[in-house]
Amino acid sequence: MPLRTTTCLLVGAIAAAAPALAEDPFMLVVLGDTQSYVVNDTLAANFTAQTQWIADNAAANNIRFVTHVGDIVEHDLVAEWDRADHAMSLLDPTGIPWSAAFGNHEWDRGQALGGDTAFIEHFGPQRHQDKAWFGGASDNGRSSWQRF
């Protein structure tokens, strides 16, 4: 099992050990640094397996929130963004609130410093704006907040 999943289980264990903080123990899943997974279809299967595991086990583990903490892609290539989008899209049917943070690998390499076009296109506020759990986003769309 990937370390990221193990980390999320530890977070869940902390919530379970603190009943005063959570009436019903729940888990938060943290994904990060998937940039190495999306460089080709073979490696992308690892990312997809992680999010599929989350989707398949959400109810049994009371998973309440998933966050990707950045460095989603490696090279700012359409194929990498599409692979990442596919993996994260597996969470959508579950109804679990999720977010993706803007990391240093998300800068559009083909633009002047500050390019964020591909990130906004795939993971910007428009992606979740119709969800009740979506709280809002910064004016530039790089930062957002969610309720869970």
C-alpha atoms as a PDB file:
ATOM      1  CA  MET A   1       0.000   0.000   0.000  1.00  0.00           C
ATOM      2  CA  PRO A   2       1.461   3.435  -0.899  1.00  0.00           C
ATOM      3  CA  LEU A   3       2.788   5.588   1.919  1.00  0.00           C
ATOM      4  CA  ARG A   4       0.185   8.248   1.213  1.00  0.00           C
ATOM      5  CA  THR A   5      -2.585   5.800   2.060  1.00  0.00           C
ATOM      6  CA  THR A   6      -0.784   4.742   5.228  1.00  0.00           C
ATOM      7  CA  THR A   7      -0.530   8.398   6.184  1.00  0.00           C
ATOM      8  CA  CYS A   8      -4.262   8.857   5.749  1.00  0.00           C
ATOM      9  CA  LEU A   9      -4.910   5.858   7.990  1.00  0.00           C
ATOM     10  CA  LEU A  10      -2.802   7.442  10.704  1.00  0.00           C
ATOM     11  CA  VAL A  11      -4.855  10.615  10.433  1.00  0.00           C
ATOM     12  CA  GLY A  12      -7.970   8.485  10.795  1.00  0.00           C
ATOM     13  CA  ALA A  13      -6.493   6.758  13.821  1.00  0.00           C
ATOM     14  CA  ILE A  14      -5.841  10.119  15.429  1.00  0.00           C
ATOM     15  CA  ALA A  15      -9.459  11.122  14.860  1.00  0.00           C
ATOM     16  CA  ALA A  16     -10.627   7.800  16.319  1.00  0.00           C
ATOM     17  CA  ALA A  17      -8.446   8.273  19.395  1.00  0.00           C
ATOM     18  CA  ALA A  18      -9.964  11.687  20.081  1.00  0.00           C
ATOM     19  CA  PRO A  19     -13.696  11.069  20.543  1.00  0.00           C
ATOM     20  CA  ALA A  20     -14.141  14.500  22.096  1.00  0.00           C
ATOM     21  CA  LEU A  21     -13.153  15.981  18.740  1.00  0.00           C
ATOM     22  CA  ALA A  22     -15.160  13.603  16.587  1.00  0.00           C
ATOM     23  CA  GLU A  23     -18.317  11.830  17.658  1.00  0.00           C
ATOM     24  CA  ASP A  24     -17.913   9.406  14.776  1.00  0.00           C
ATOM     25  CA  PRO A  25     -14.299   8.636  13.892  1.00  0.00           C
ATOM     26  CA  PHE A  26     -13.472   9.668  10.341  1.00  0.00           C
ATOM     27  CA  MET A  27     -10.545   9.853   7.966  1.00  0.00           C
ATOM     28  CA  LEU A  28      -8.922  12.562   5.920  1.00  0.00           C
ATOM     29  CA  VAL A  29      -6.912  11.419   2.913  1.00  0.00           C
ATOM     30  CA  VAL A  30      -3.825  13.339   1.855  1.00  0.00           C
ATOM     31  CA  LEU A  31      -2.370  12.850  -1.626  1.00  0.00           C
ATOM     32  CA  GLY A  32       0.737  14.611  -2.785  1.00  0.00           C
ATOM     33  CA  ASP A  33       3.569  14.636  -5.228  1.00  0.00           C
ATOM     34  CA  THR A  34       1.820  12.598  -7.896  1.00  0.00           C
ATOM     35  CA  GLN A  35       3.944  14.288 -10.549  1.00  0.00           C
ATOM     36  CA  SER A  36       6.027  11.131 -11.027  1.00  0.00           C
ATOM     37  CA  TYR A  37       2.910   9.033 -11.583  1.00  0.00           C
ATOM     38  CA  VAL A  38       1.466  11.076 -14.428  1.00  0.00           C
ATOM     39  CA  VAL A  39       4.493  11.021 -16.727  1.00  0.00           C
ATOM     40  CA  ASN A  40       3.144   7.948 -18.546  1.00  0.00           C
ATOM     41  CA  ASP A  41       0.098   5.699 -18.609  1.00  0.00           C
ATOM     42  CA  THR A  42       1.840   2.819 -16.817  1.00  0.00           C
ATOM     43  CA  LEU A  43       2.822   4.927 -13.809  1.00  0.00           C
ATOM     44  CA  ALA A  44      -0.505   6.775 -13.857  1.00  0.00           C
ATOM     45  CA  ALA A  45      -2.122   3.469 -12.888  1.00  0.00           C
ATOM     46  CA  ASN A  46      -0.645   4.036  -9.400  1.00  0.00           C
ATOM     47  CA  PHE A  47      -2.454   7.371  -9.032  1.00  0.00           C
ATOM     48  CA  THR A  48      -5.662   5.864 -10.382  1.00  0.00           C
ATOM     49  CA  ALA A  49      -5.337   2.908  -7.989  1.00  0.00           C
ATOM     50  CA  GLN A  50      -5.035   5.307  -5.047  1.00  0.00           C
ATOM     51  CA  THR A  51      -8.123   7.303  -5.896  1.00  0.00           C
ATOM     52  CA  GLN A  52     -10.060   4.155  -6.830  1.00  0.00           C
ATOM     53  CA  TRP A  53      -9.157   2.680  -3.428  1.00  0.00           C
ATOM     54  CA  ILE A  54     -10.463   5.855  -1.773  1.00  0.00           C
ATOM     55  CA  ALA A  55     -13.701   5.663  -3.764  1.00  0.00           C
ATOM     56  CA  ASP A  56     -14.156   1.950  -3.053  1.00  0.00           C
ATOM     57  CA  ASN A  57     -13.416   2.289   0.663  1.00  0.00           C
ATOM     58  CA  ALA A  58     -14.961   5.659   1.466  1.00  0.00           C
ATOM     59  CA  ALA A  59     -18.012   4.339   3.294  1.00  0.00           C
ATOM     60  CA  ALA A  60     -16.240   1.554   5.184  1.00  0.00           C
ATOM     61  CA  ASN A  61     -13.561   3.959   6.443  1.00  0.00           C
ATOM     62  CA  ASN A  62     -15.789   7.024   6.853  1.00  0.00           C
ATOM     63  CA  ILE A  63     -13.563   9.093   4.586  1.00  0.00           C
ATOM     64  CA  ARG A  64     -14.820  12.659   4.845  1.00  0.00           C
ATOM     65  CA  PHE A  65     -12.295  14.677   2.854  1.00  0.00           C
ATOM     66  CA  VAL A  66      -9.522  14.169   0.301  1.00  0.00           C
ATOM     67  CA  THR A  67      -6.878  16.767  -0.408  1.00  0.00           C
ATOM     68  CA  HIS A  68      -4.135  16.778  -2.966  1.00  0.00           C
ATOM     69  CA  VAL A  69      -1.402  18.967  -1.523  1.00  0.00           C
ATOM     70  CA  GLY A  70       0.279  19.871  -4.799  1.00  0.00           C
ATOM     71  CA  ASP A  71       2.824  18.844  -7.385  1.00  0.00           C
ATOM     72  CA  ILE A  72       0.098  17.159  -9.383  1.00  0.00           C
ATOM     73  CA  VAL A  73       2.010  17.093 -12.692  1.00  0.00           C
ATOM     74  CA  GLU A  74       5.686  17.044 -13.616  1.00  0.00           C
ATOM     75  CA  HIS A  75       6.009  18.704 -17.021  1.00  0.00           C
ATOM     76  CA  ASP A  76       2.837  20.728 -17.612  1.00  0.00           C
ATOM     77  CA  LEU A  77       1.892  18.546 -20.562  1.00  0.00           C
ATOM     78  CA  VAL A  78      -1.680  17.982 -21.699  1.00  0.00           C
ATOM     79  CA  ALA A  79      -1.308  14.214 -21.280  1.00  0.00           C
ATOM     80  CA  GLU A  80      -0.106  14.618 -17.676  1.00  0.00           C
ATOM     81  CA  TRP A  81      -2.993  16.932 -16.805  1.00  0.00           C
ATOM     82  CA  ASP A  82      -5.435  14.508 -18.420  1.00  0.00           C
ATOM     83  CA  ARG A  83      -4.044  11.578 -16.411  1.00  0.00           C
ATOM     84  CA  ALA A  84      -4.286  13.562 -13.177  1.00  0.00           C
ATOM     85  CA  ASP A  85      -7.784  14.737 -14.031  1.00  0.00           C
ATOM     86  CA  HIS A  86      -8.861  11.149 -14.704  1.00  0.00           C
ATOM     87  CA  ALA A  87      -7.476   9.915 -11.376  1.00  0.00           C
ATOM     88  CA  MET A  88      -9.094  12.682  -9.328  1.00  0.00           C
ATOM     89  CA  SER A  89     -12.380  12.315 -11.247  1.00  0.00           C
ATOM     90  CA  LEU A  90     -12.827   8.879  -9.681  1.00  0.00           C
ATOM     91  CA  LEU A  91     -13.688  10.712  -6.456  1.00  0.00           C
ATOM     92  CA  ASP A  92     -16.548  12.696  -7.992  1.00  0.00           C
ATOM     93  CA  PRO A  93     -19.234   9.960  -7.893  1.00  0.00           C
ATOM     94  CA  THR A  94     -18.520   9.340  -4.190  1.00  0.00           C
ATOM     95  CA  GLY A  95     -19.673  12.800  -3.142  1.00  0.00           C
ATOM     96  CA  ILE A  96     -16.635  13.141  -0.865  1.00  0.00           C
ATOM     97  CA  PRO A  97     -15.438  16.745  -0.723  1.00  0.00           C
ATOM     98  CA  TRP A  98     -11.966  17.111  -2.205  1.00  0.00           C
ATOM     99  CA  SER A  99      -9.451  19.747  -3.138  1.00  0.00           C
ATOM    100  CA  ALA A 100      -6.237  20.118  -5.086  1.00  0.00           C
ATOM    101  CA  ALA A 101      -3.584  22.645  -4.100  1.00  0.00           C
ATOM    102  CA  PHE A 102      -1.481  24.649  -6.518  1.00  0.00           C
ATOM    103  CA  GLY A 103       2.134  23.438  -6.183  1.00  0.00           C
ATOM    104  CA  ASN A 104       5.340  24.624  -7.772  1.00  0.00           C
ATOM    105  CA  HIS A 105       5.064  21.960 -10.486  1.00  0.00           C
ATOM    106  CA  GLU A 106       1.726  23.410 -11.554  1.00  0.00           C
ATOM    107  CA  TRP A 107       3.265  26.575 -13.021  1.00  0.00           C
ATOM    108  CA  ASP A 108       2.768  26.605 -16.782  1.00  0.00           C
ATOM    109  CA  ARG A 109       6.299  26.270 -18.109  1.00  0.00           C
ATOM    110  CA  GLY A 110       5.330  27.754 -21.466  1.00  0.00           C
ATOM    111  CA  GLN A 111       4.208  31.048 -19.956  1.00  0.00           C
ATOM    112  CA  ALA A 112       5.837  33.836 -18.016  1.00  0.00           C
ATOM    113  CA  LEU A 113       6.213  33.148 -14.303  1.00  0.00           C
ATOM    114  CA  GLY A 114       2.773  33.026 -12.810  1.00  0.00           C
ATOM    115  CA  GLY A 115       1.105  30.967 -15.524  1.00  0.00           C
ATOM    116  CA  ASP A 116      -1.640  28.865 -14.020  1.00  0.00           C
ATOM    117  CA  THR A 117      -3.867  28.173 -17.019  1.00  0.00           C
ATOM    118  CA  ALA A 118      -3.724  24.372 -16.973  1.00  0.00           C
ATOM    119  CA  PHE A 119      -4.235  24.134 -13.202  1.00  0.00           C
ATOM    120  CA  ILE A 120      -7.256  26.441 -13.344  1.00  0.00           C
ATOM    121  CA  GLU A 121      -8.665  24.552 -16.329  1.00  0.00           C
ATOM    122  CA  HIS A 122      -8.489  21.172 -14.585  1.00  0.00           C
ATOM    123  CA  PHE A 123      -8.756  21.964 -10.869  1.00  0.00           C
ATOM    124  CA  GLY A 124      -9.986  25.542 -10.639  1.00  0.00           C
ATOM    125  CA  PRO A 125     -13.072  26.708  -8.727  1.00  0.00           C
ATOM    126  CA  GLN A 126     -15.436  25.941 -11.614  1.00  0.00           C
ATOM    127  CA  ARG A 127     -14.838  22.254 -10.978  1.00  0.00           C
ATOM    128  CA  HIS A 128     -16.661  22.285  -7.635  1.00  0.00           C
ATOM    129  CA  GLN A 129     -18.687  25.485  -7.621  1.00  0.00           C
ATOM    130  CA  ASP A 130     -21.973  23.563  -7.827  1.00  0.00           C
ATOM    131  CA  LYS A 131     -21.166  21.418  -4.776  1.00  0.00           C
ATOM    132  CA  ALA A 132     -22.709  22.319  -1.417  1.00  0.00           C
ATOM    133  CA  TRP A 133     -19.372  21.640   0.287  1.00  0.00           C
ATOM    134  CA  PHE A 134     -17.448  24.132  -1.867  1.00  0.00           C
ATOM    135  CA  GLY A 135     -16.850  27.325   0.108  1.00  0.00           C
ATOM    136  CA  GLY A 136     -15.184  29.565  -2.439  1.00  0.00           C
ATOM    137  CA  ALA A 137     -11.903  30.497  -4.057  1.00  0.00           C
ATOM    138  CA  SER A 138      -9.385  33.288  -4.293  1.00  0.00           C
ATOM    139  CA  ASP A 139      -9.775  35.772  -7.139  1.00  0.00           C
ATOM    140  CA  ASN A 140      -7.061  34.024  -9.148  1.00  0.00           C
ATOM    141  CA  GLY A 141      -8.600  30.586  -8.553  1.00  0.00           C
ATOM    142  CA  ARG A 142      -5.418  29.019  -7.197  1.00  0.00           C
ATOM    143  CA  SER A 143      -6.688  28.704  -3.632  1.00  0.00           C
ATOM    144  CA  SER A 144     -10.036  27.405  -2.434  1.00  0.00           C
ATOM    145  CA  TRP A 145     -11.774  26.181   0.659  1.00  0.00           C
ATOM    146  CA  GLN A 146     -14.235  23.419   1.330  1.00  0.00           C
ATOM    147  CA  ARG A 147     -16.512  22.266   4.157  1.00  0.00           C
ATOM    148  CA  PHE A 148     -16.633  18.733   5.441  1.00  0.00           C
END
